[in-house]
C-alpha cells in the first residue's frame, strides 16, 4: 500500500520542517523574574547598551561553564584560563563613502573600470 498525501500534505510537511528549524533548533524560553531582579537587569542593559537577552545569555553561558568545571581538580580549575586569540583585522580598511557615490561606484573605482 503506497503512502498517499492529501493535497495539503506537502504544505503540512513543509510547515512542520519550518517550525522545527525556526523554533526547535535555537531554543526559545520564557523567563519570569522577580520585579527587583527584572529592574536590575533593565538598569544594567541601559547602562551597558546591551540587550537584556544578551546579558541573560552571557550569564547562563558563564554559569554553565562554571558548573561544567566543578568536577575538575580545584587547583586545575583555579588555573584554567581562556585561550588568547589575536584580534581579527578587517580585510580592507574602512573609508568614508564620498557624497554621490554608492557601493557599485566604489567597486568600479577600485577596479579601475568606468
Protein backbone atom coordinates (compact mmCIF):
# COMPACT_ATOMS: atom_id res chain seq x y z
CA UNK A 1 0.00 0.00 0.00
CA UNK A 2 1.51 3.31 -1.07
CA UNK A 3 1.60 6.33 1.18
CA UNK A 4 -0.70 8.98 -0.19
CA UNK A 5 -0.71 12.57 0.97
CA UNK A 6 -3.70 14.81 0.84
CA UNK A 7 -3.33 17.86 -1.46
CA UNK A 8 -2.28 19.91 1.54
CA UNK A 9 0.08 17.17 2.79
CA UNK A 10 3.26 18.67 1.36
CA UNK A 11 2.39 22.05 2.79
CA UNK A 12 1.96 20.44 6.20
CA UNK A 13 5.35 18.74 5.93
CA UNK A 14 6.99 21.98 4.80
CA UNK A 15 5.39 23.91 7.67
CA UNK A 16 6.45 21.23 10.15
CA UNK A 17 10.06 21.45 8.87
CA UNK A 18 9.98 25.27 9.05
CA UNK A 19 8.62 25.11 12.59
CA UNK A 20 11.36 22.71 13.68
CA UNK A 21 14.10 24.87 12.19
CA UNK A 22 12.68 28.16 13.46
CA UNK A 23 11.60 27.20 16.96
CA UNK A 24 13.28 23.95 17.88
CA UNK A 25 16.96 24.43 16.98
CA UNK A 26 17.63 27.78 18.67
CA UNK A 27 15.92 27.15 21.98
CA UNK A 28 13.39 29.78 22.99
CA UNK A 29 12.06 30.12 26.51
CA UNK A 30 10.17 32.44 28.80
CA UNK A 31 11.90 33.60 31.94
CA UNK A 32 9.89 35.04 34.80
CA UNK A 33 11.98 37.19 37.11
CA UNK A 34 11.03 38.84 40.38
CA UNK A 35 10.41 42.58 39.96
CA UNK A 36 13.63 43.53 41.74
CA UNK A 37 15.76 41.29 39.56
CA UNK A 38 13.99 42.43 36.38
CA UNK A 39 14.63 46.07 37.32
CA UNK A 40 18.31 45.36 37.97
CA UNK A 41 18.55 43.65 34.59
CA UNK A 42 16.88 46.61 32.84
CA UNK A 43 19.21 49.05 34.57
CA UNK A 44 22.29 47.05 33.59
CA UNK A 45 21.08 46.79 29.99
CA UNK A 46 20.55 50.56 29.84
CA UNK A 47 23.91 51.22 31.47
CA UNK A 48 25.90 48.91 29.19
CA UNK A 49 23.92 49.49 25.99
CA UNK A 50 23.46 45.73 25.55
CA UNK A 51 20.11 44.00 25.30
CA UNK A 52 18.62 42.12 28.24
CA UNK A 53 18.65 38.98 26.12
CA UNK A 54 22.42 39.24 25.53
CA UNK A 55 23.05 39.81 29.24
CA UNK A 56 20.96 36.80 30.28
CA UNK A 57 22.50 34.60 27.58
CA UNK A 58 26.01 35.59 28.75
CA UNK A 59 25.11 34.90 32.39
CA UNK A 60 23.70 31.46 31.55
CA UNK A 61 26.77 30.62 29.48
CA UNK A 62 29.10 31.64 32.33
CA UNK A 63 27.05 29.66 34.84
CA UNK A 64 27.14 26.54 32.67
CA UNK A 65 30.89 26.90 32.15
CA UNK A 66 31.39 27.07 35.92
CA UNK A 67 29.14 24.07 36.54
CA UNK A 68 30.90 22.00 33.90
CA UNK A 69 34.27 22.68 35.58
CA UNK A 70 33.11 21.62 39.07
CA UNK A 71 34.26 18.04 38.59
CA UNK A 72 37.88 19.13 37.91
CA UNK A 73 40.69 19.29 40.45
CA UNK A 74 40.41 22.60 42.42
CA UNK A 75 43.99 23.60 41.55
CA UNK A 76 43.40 22.98 37.86
CA UNK A 77 40.06 24.79 37.98
CA UNK A 78 41.72 27.84 39.60
CA UNK A 79 44.50 27.98 36.98
CA UNK A 80 42.44 27.49 33.82
CA UNK A 81 42.46 30.48 31.52
CA UNK A 82 40.70 31.00 28.23
CA UNK A 83 42.83 30.75 25.09
CA UNK A 84 44.19 34.05 23.87
CA UNK A 85 43.48 34.77 20.26
CA UNK A 86 44.74 37.80 18.35
CA UNK A 87 42.05 40.27 17.31
CA UNK A 88 40.84 39.83 13.76
CA UNK A 89 41.61 42.69 11.43
CA UNK A 90 39.24 43.66 8.64
CA UNK A 91 40.20 42.58 5.13
CA UNK A 92 40.18 46.16 3.85
CA UNK A 93 40.44 49.36 5.84
CA UNK A 94 37.17 51.23 6.07
CA UNK A 95 36.89 54.57 4.38
CA UNK A 96 34.02 57.04 4.20
CA UNK A 97 31.76 56.98 1.16
CA UNK A 98 32.13 60.20 -0.88
CA UNK A 99 28.92 62.17 -1.46
CA UNK A 100 27.01 60.98 -4.52
CA UNK A 101 28.77 57.59 -4.61
CA UNK A 102 27.32 54.17 -3.91
CA UNK A 103 28.92 50.76 -3.42
CA UNK A 104 28.97 49.91 -7.13
CA UNK A 105 30.79 53.18 -7.94
CA UNK A 106 33.38 52.43 -5.26
CA UNK A 107 33.94 48.90 -6.62
CA UNK A 108 34.29 50.29 -10.17
CA UNK A 109 36.78 52.87 -8.89
CA UNK A 110 38.81 50.21 -7.06
CA UNK A 111 38.90 48.02 -10.16
CA UNK A 112 39.81 50.95 -12.40
CA UNK A 113 36.85 50.47 -14.71
CA UNK A 114 34.26 53.02 -15.82
